[in-house]
Amino acid sequence: MQLTNDELAMLILHMSIMRKEIKKALKRNYGFFEAKKKMNVYDSILDKITSFNEKKLVHDISLDDDELGMLHAFLSSYTVEIERQAQKENMNVENSEVFQLLSHILSKVEGMQIAKMH
């Protein structure tokens, strides 16, 4: 999957900000041991995306099936939550650069998942 500098920076920022909340949600939904496994997958994505060369404009990020699934789960629920919050505050989320970048990454992840199915 190829990500631009802006997409990568936005993904790193939001995955880092949400790490503690994700950890709590995973424990609540899966129990300690399964949550720990899933958190390791989340952290492996963060490790992969934070070790990139800033001089490049586009970055090739290779994720395994578990990582792709985790990234899809994160982005799909996170973008829905952004939309929900924007609606509460009567804001138009479509004009948000943050939302646009995260949605674009989500569509790339979905494209990768579809490609792996075939």
N, C-alpha and C. Protein backbone atom coordinates (compact mmCIF):
# COMPACT_ATOMS: atom_id res chain seq x y z
N MET A 1 0.85 -1.17 0.00
CA MET A 1 0.00 0.00 0.00
C MET A 1 0.90 1.23 0.00
N GLN A 2 0.54 2.19 -0.81
CA GLN A 2 1.35 3.41 -0.88
C GLN A 2 0.63 4.56 -0.16
N LEU A 3 1.38 5.24 0.70
CA LEU A 3 0.84 6.38 1.44
C LEU A 3 1.73 7.60 1.22
N THR A 4 1.10 8.76 1.10
CA THR A 4 1.85 10.01 0.97
C THR A 4 2.37 10.42 2.35
N ASN A 5 3.26 11.41 2.37
CA ASN A 5 3.76 11.92 3.66
C ASN A 5 2.61 12.40 4.54
N ASP A 6 1.66 13.13 3.96
CA ASP A 6 0.53 13.65 4.73
C ASP A 6 -0.31 12.52 5.31
N GLU A 7 -0.60 11.49 4.47
CA GLU A 7 -1.40 10.37 4.95
C GLU A 7 -0.68 9.64 6.08
N LEU A 8 0.61 9.41 5.88
CA LEU A 8 1.40 8.70 6.87
C LEU A 8 1.45 9.48 8.19
N ALA A 9 1.70 10.77 8.10
CA ALA A 9 1.77 11.61 9.30
C ALA A 9 0.43 11.61 10.04
N MET A 10 -0.66 11.70 9.31
CA MET A 10 -1.99 11.71 9.92
C MET A 10 -2.28 10.37 10.59
N LEU A 11 -1.91 9.28 9.92
CA LEU A 11 -2.13 7.94 10.47
C LEU A 11 -1.31 7.73 11.74
N ILE A 12 -0.06 8.11 11.71
CA ILE A 12 0.80 7.98 12.90
C ILE A 12 0.23 8.79 14.06
N LEU A 13 -0.15 10.01 13.78
CA LEU A 13 -0.69 10.90 14.81
C LEU A 13 -1.94 10.28 15.47
N HIS A 14 -2.89 9.88 14.65
CA HIS A 14 -4.16 9.41 15.20
C HIS A 14 -4.05 8.03 15.84
N MET A 15 -3.23 7.16 15.28
CA MET A 15 -3.03 5.84 15.91
C MET A 15 -2.31 6.00 17.25
N SER A 16 -1.38 6.95 17.32
CA SER A 16 -0.67 7.20 18.58
C SER A 16 -1.60 7.79 19.62
N ILE A 17 -2.40 8.78 19.21
CA ILE A 17 -3.33 9.43 20.13
C ILE A 17 -4.34 8.41 20.69
N MET A 18 -4.79 7.51 19.85
CA MET A 18 -5.87 6.59 20.22
C MET A 18 -5.38 5.29 20.86
N ARG A 19 -4.09 5.11 20.99
CA ARG A 19 -3.55 3.83 21.46
C ARG A 19 -4.15 3.40 22.80
N LYS A 20 -4.18 4.31 23.76
CA LYS A 20 -4.68 3.96 25.10
C LYS A 20 -6.16 3.57 25.05
N GLU A 21 -6.96 4.32 24.26
CA GLU A 21 -8.39 4.02 24.12
C GLU A 21 -8.61 2.68 23.44
N ILE A 22 -7.80 2.39 22.42
CA ILE A 22 -7.90 1.12 21.70
C ILE A 22 -7.59 -0.03 22.66
N LYS A 23 -6.56 0.15 23.47
CA LYS A 23 -6.17 -0.89 24.42
C LYS A 23 -7.32 -1.20 25.38
N LYS A 24 -7.97 -0.16 25.90
CA LYS A 24 -9.11 -0.34 26.80
C LYS A 24 -10.26 -1.06 26.10
N ALA A 25 -10.56 -0.64 24.88
CA ALA A 25 -11.67 -1.23 24.13
C ALA A 25 -11.39 -2.70 23.82
N LEU A 26 -10.16 -3.02 23.46
CA LEU A 26 -9.82 -4.41 23.15
C LEU A 26 -9.96 -5.29 24.40
N LYS A 27 -9.50 -4.79 25.55
CA LYS A 27 -9.63 -5.55 26.80
C LYS A 27 -11.10 -5.77 27.14
N ARG A 28 -11.89 -4.74 26.95
CA ARG A 28 -13.32 -4.81 27.26
C ARG A 28 -14.02 -5.82 26.33
N ASN A 29 -13.63 -5.84 25.07
CA ASN A 29 -14.33 -6.67 24.08
C ASN A 29 -13.78 -8.09 23.94
N TYR A 30 -12.50 -8.29 24.26
CA TYR A 30 -11.89 -9.59 23.97
C TYR A 30 -11.30 -10.30 25.18
N GLY A 31 -11.17 -9.65 26.29
CA GLY A 31 -10.51 -10.27 27.43
C GLY A 31 -9.00 -10.06 27.33
N PHE A 32 -8.31 -10.35 28.40
CA PHE A 32 -6.90 -9.99 28.53
C PHE A 32 -6.00 -10.58 27.45
N PHE A 33 -6.03 -11.90 27.27
CA PHE A 33 -5.05 -12.54 26.38
C PHE A 33 -5.28 -12.21 24.91
N GLU A 34 -6.54 -12.26 24.48
CA GLU A 34 -6.84 -11.94 23.08
C GLU A 34 -6.57 -10.45 22.82
N ALA A 35 -6.88 -9.61 23.79
CA ALA A 35 -6.63 -8.18 23.66
C ALA A 35 -5.14 -7.91 23.52
N LYS A 36 -4.33 -8.66 24.27
CA LYS A 36 -2.88 -8.49 24.21
C LYS A 36 -2.37 -8.84 22.81
N LYS A 37 -2.88 -9.92 22.23
CA LYS A 37 -2.49 -10.32 20.86
C LYS A 37 -2.86 -9.23 19.86
N LYS A 38 -4.10 -8.73 19.99
CA LYS A 38 -4.57 -7.71 19.06
C LYS A 38 -3.79 -6.40 19.24
N MET A 39 -3.43 -6.09 20.47
CA MET A 39 -2.65 -4.88 20.73
C MET A 39 -1.26 -5.01 20.12
N ASN A 40 -0.70 -6.21 20.13
CA ASN A 40 0.60 -6.43 19.48
C ASN A 40 0.51 -6.16 17.98
N VAL A 41 -0.61 -6.53 17.38
CA VAL A 41 -0.82 -6.25 15.95
C VAL A 41 -0.90 -4.75 15.73
N TYR A 42 -1.65 -4.05 16.57
CA TYR A 42 -1.79 -2.60 16.49
C TYR A 42 -0.41 -1.93 16.59
N ASP A 43 0.36 -2.38 17.58
CA ASP A 43 1.70 -1.81 17.78
C ASP A 43 2.65 -2.14 16.63
N SER A 44 2.49 -3.31 16.02
CA SER A 44 3.36 -3.65 14.89
C SER A 44 3.09 -2.72 13.70
N ILE A 45 1.82 -2.32 13.53
CA ILE A 45 1.50 -1.35 12.47
C ILE A 45 2.19 -0.03 12.79
N LEU A 46 2.05 0.43 14.02
CA LEU A 46 2.69 1.69 14.43
C LEU A 46 4.20 1.63 14.22
N ASP A 47 4.82 0.51 14.58
CA ASP A 47 6.26 0.36 14.37
C ASP A 47 6.62 0.48 12.90
N LYS A 48 5.85 -0.17 12.05
CA LYS A 48 6.14 -0.15 10.61
C LYS A 48 5.98 1.25 10.02
N ILE A 49 4.94 1.96 10.43
CA ILE A 49 4.69 3.25 9.80
C ILE A 49 5.53 4.37 10.38
N THR A 50 6.04 4.19 11.60
CA THR A 50 6.87 5.27 12.17
C THR A 50 8.32 5.19 11.73
N SER A 51 8.71 4.08 11.16
CA SER A 51 10.10 3.98 10.68
C SER A 51 10.13 4.18 9.17
N PHE A 52 9.94 5.43 8.75
CA PHE A 52 9.95 5.74 7.33
C PHE A 52 10.94 6.85 7.01
N ASN A 53 11.29 6.93 5.74
CA ASN A 53 12.25 7.93 5.29
C ASN A 53 11.50 9.21 4.91
N GLU A 54 11.74 10.27 5.65
CA GLU A 54 11.01 11.53 5.43
C GLU A 54 11.33 12.18 4.09
N LYS A 55 12.42 11.78 3.44
CA LYS A 55 12.79 12.39 2.17
C LYS A 55 11.92 11.91 1.02
N LYS A 56 11.30 10.75 1.20
CA LYS A 56 10.44 10.21 0.16
C LYS A 56 9.07 10.89 0.21
N LEU A 57 8.43 11.03 -0.96
CA LEU A 57 7.10 11.63 -1.02
C LEU A 57 6.00 10.59 -0.87
N VAL A 58 6.30 9.37 -1.33
CA VAL A 58 5.34 8.27 -1.24
C VAL A 58 6.04 7.09 -0.59
N HIS A 59 5.34 6.42 0.30
CA HIS A 59 5.95 5.33 1.06
C HIS A 59 5.21 4.03 0.80
N ASP A 60 5.96 2.97 0.55
CA ASP A 60 5.37 1.64 0.41
C ASP A 60 5.29 1.01 1.78
N ILE A 61 4.10 0.72 2.21
CA ILE A 61 3.88 0.10 3.52
C ILE A 61 3.34 -1.31 3.26
N SER A 62 4.07 -2.30 3.74
CA SER A 62 3.56 -3.67 3.55
C SER A 62 3.06 -4.20 4.89
N LEU A 63 1.80 -4.60 4.88
CA LEU A 63 1.14 -5.10 6.08
C LEU A 63 0.66 -6.53 5.83
N ASP A 64 0.76 -7.37 6.86
CA ASP A 64 0.22 -8.73 6.71
C ASP A 64 -1.30 -8.68 6.89
N ASP A 65 -1.94 -9.83 6.75
CA ASP A 65 -3.41 -9.88 6.80
C ASP A 65 -3.96 -9.40 8.14
N ASP A 66 -3.31 -9.80 9.24
CA ASP A 66 -3.77 -9.36 10.57
C ASP A 66 -3.66 -7.85 10.72
N GLU A 67 -2.54 -7.30 10.24
CA GLU A 67 -2.32 -5.85 10.34
C GLU A 67 -3.32 -5.10 9.47
N LEU A 68 -3.56 -5.60 8.26
CA LEU A 68 -4.55 -4.95 7.39
C LEU A 68 -5.92 -4.97 8.05
N GLY A 69 -6.29 -6.11 8.63
CA GLY A 69 -7.58 -6.21 9.31
C GLY A 69 -7.69 -5.25 10.48
N MET A 70 -6.62 -5.15 11.26
CA MET A 70 -6.61 -4.25 12.41
C MET A 70 -6.71 -2.79 11.95
N LEU A 71 -5.94 -2.44 10.92
CA LEU A 71 -5.96 -1.07 10.42
C LEU A 71 -7.34 -0.73 9.87
N HIS A 72 -7.96 -1.69 9.18
CA HIS A 72 -9.31 -1.47 8.65
C HIS A 72 -10.30 -1.26 9.79
N ALA A 73 -10.22 -2.10 10.81
CA ALA A 73 -11.13 -1.98 11.96
C ALA A 73 -10.95 -0.62 12.64
N PHE A 74 -9.70 -0.23 12.83
CA PHE A 74 -9.42 1.05 13.48
C PHE A 74 -9.97 2.21 12.66
N LEU A 75 -9.60 2.26 11.37
CA LEU A 75 -10.00 3.40 10.54
C LEU A 75 -11.50 3.47 10.31
N SER A 76 -12.13 2.32 10.10
CA SER A 76 -13.57 2.36 9.84
C SER A 76 -14.33 2.85 11.07
N SER A 77 -13.97 2.37 12.25
CA SER A 77 -14.67 2.83 13.45
C SER A 77 -14.29 4.27 13.79
N TYR A 78 -13.04 4.63 13.56
CA TYR A 78 -12.56 5.98 13.90
C TYR A 78 -13.20 7.03 13.01
N THR A 79 -13.30 6.77 11.70
CA THR A 79 -13.92 7.75 10.80
C THR A 79 -15.41 7.90 11.09
N VAL A 80 -16.07 6.80 11.47
CA VAL A 80 -17.48 6.89 11.86
C VAL A 80 -17.63 7.77 13.10
N GLU A 81 -16.71 7.59 14.05
CA GLU A 81 -16.75 8.40 15.27
C GLU A 81 -16.50 9.88 14.97
N ILE A 82 -15.59 10.17 14.05
CA ILE A 82 -15.34 11.57 13.66
C ILE A 82 -16.61 12.16 13.05
N GLU A 83 -17.27 11.40 12.19
CA GLU A 83 -18.51 11.88 11.58
C GLU A 83 -19.58 12.13 12.64
N ARG A 84 -19.70 11.22 13.59
CA ARG A 84 -20.70 11.35 14.66
C ARG A 84 -20.44 12.62 15.48
N GLN A 85 -19.20 12.85 15.85
CA GLN A 85 -18.85 14.04 16.63
C GLN A 85 -19.11 15.31 15.84
N ALA A 86 -18.77 15.29 14.55
CA ALA A 86 -18.99 16.47 13.71
C ALA A 86 -20.48 16.79 13.60
N GLN A 87 -21.31 15.75 13.47
CA GLN A 87 -22.75 15.96 13.41
C GLN A 87 -23.28 16.60 14.69
N LYS A 88 -22.79 16.11 15.82
CA LYS A 88 -23.21 16.67 17.11
C LYS A 88 -22.91 18.17 17.18
N GLU A 89 -21.78 18.55 16.60
CA GLU A 89 -21.34 19.93 16.67
C GLU A 89 -21.74 20.74 15.44
N ASN A 90 -22.63 20.16 14.63
CA ASN A 90 -23.11 20.81 13.40
C ASN A 90 -21.98 21.26 12.48
N MET A 91 -20.98 20.40 12.34
CA MET A 91 -19.86 20.71 11.46
C MET A 91 -19.94 19.81 10.23
N ASN A 92 -19.45 20.33 9.10
CA ASN A 92 -19.41 19.54 7.88
C ASN A 92 -18.07 18.82 7.81
N VAL A 93 -18.10 17.53 8.03
CA VAL A 93 -16.88 16.72 8.09
C VAL A 93 -16.21 16.61 6.72
N GLU A 94 -16.98 16.79 5.65
CA GLU A 94 -16.43 16.64 4.30
C GLU A 94 -15.34 17.70 4.01
N ASN A 95 -15.37 18.82 4.71
CA ASN A 95 -14.38 19.87 4.49
C ASN A 95 -13.13 19.67 5.34
N SER A 96 -13.13 18.67 6.19
CA SER A 96 -12.01 18.45 7.10
C SER A 96 -10.89 17.69 6.41
N GLU A 97 -9.70 18.28 6.41
CA GLU A 97 -8.54 17.62 5.80
C GLU A 97 -8.20 16.33 6.54
N VAL A 98 -8.33 16.36 7.85
CA VAL A 98 -8.06 15.17 8.67
C VAL A 98 -8.98 14.03 8.23
N PHE A 99 -10.27 14.33 8.14
CA PHE A 99 -11.24 13.31 7.76
C PHE A 99 -10.96 12.81 6.34
N GLN A 100 -10.65 13.72 5.44
CA GLN A 100 -10.37 13.34 4.05
C GLN A 100 -9.17 12.39 3.97
N LEU A 101 -8.10 12.72 4.68
CA LEU A 101 -6.90 11.87 4.65
C LEU A 101 -7.17 10.50 5.25
N LEU A 102 -7.84 10.46 6.39
CA LEU A 102 -8.13 9.18 7.03
C LEU A 102 -9.08 8.34 6.18
N SER A 103 -10.05 8.96 5.54
CA SER A 103 -10.97 8.24 4.65
C SER A 103 -10.24 7.69 3.44
N HIS A 104 -9.31 8.46 2.92
CA HIS A 104 -8.53 8.03 1.77
C HIS A 104 -7.66 6.82 2.12
N ILE A 105 -7.06 6.84 3.29
CA ILE A 105 -6.27 5.70 3.75
C ILE A 105 -7.18 4.48 3.91
N LEU A 106 -8.36 4.69 4.48
CA LEU A 106 -9.32 3.60 4.66
C LEU A 106 -9.66 2.97 3.32
N SER A 107 -9.89 3.78 2.29
CA SER A 107 -10.23 3.20 0.98
C SER A 107 -9.04 2.44 0.40
N LYS A 108 -7.82 2.87 0.67
CA LYS A 108 -6.63 2.14 0.21
C LYS A 108 -6.54 0.78 0.93
N VAL A 109 -6.82 0.78 2.23
CA VAL A 109 -6.79 -0.47 3.01
C VAL A 109 -7.85 -1.43 2.47
N GLU A 110 -9.05 -0.91 2.20
CA GLU A 110 -10.12 -1.75 1.65
C GLU A 110 -9.72 -2.31 0.30
N GLY A 111 -9.05 -1.50 -0.51
CA GLY A 111 -8.55 -1.96 -1.81
C GLY A 111 -7.54 -3.08 -1.66
N MET A 112 -6.67 -2.96 -0.66
CA MET A 112 -5.68 -4.01 -0.40
C MET A 112 -6.36 -5.29 0.04
N GLN A 113 -7.37 -5.18 0.88
CA GLN A 113 -8.07 -6.37 1.36
C GLN A 113 -8.78 -7.08 0.20
N ILE A 114 -9.39 -6.31 -0.67
CA ILE A 114 -10.08 -6.90 -1.83
C ILE A 114 -9.06 -7.58 -2.73
N ALA A 115 -7.92 -6.92 -2.96
CA ALA A 115 -6.87 -7.50 -3.81
C ALA A 115 -6.36 -8.82 -3.26
N LYS A 116 -6.25 -8.92 -1.94
CA LYS A 116 -5.74 -10.15 -1.32
C LYS A 116 -6.75 -11.29 -1.41
N MET A 117 -8.03 -10.95 -1.55
CA MET A 117 -9.06 -11.98 -1.65
C MET A 117 -9.01 -12.69 -3.00
N HIS A 118 -8.54 -11.97 -4.02
CA HIS A 118 -8.55 -12.54 -5.37
C HIS A 118 -7.25 -13.18 -5.76
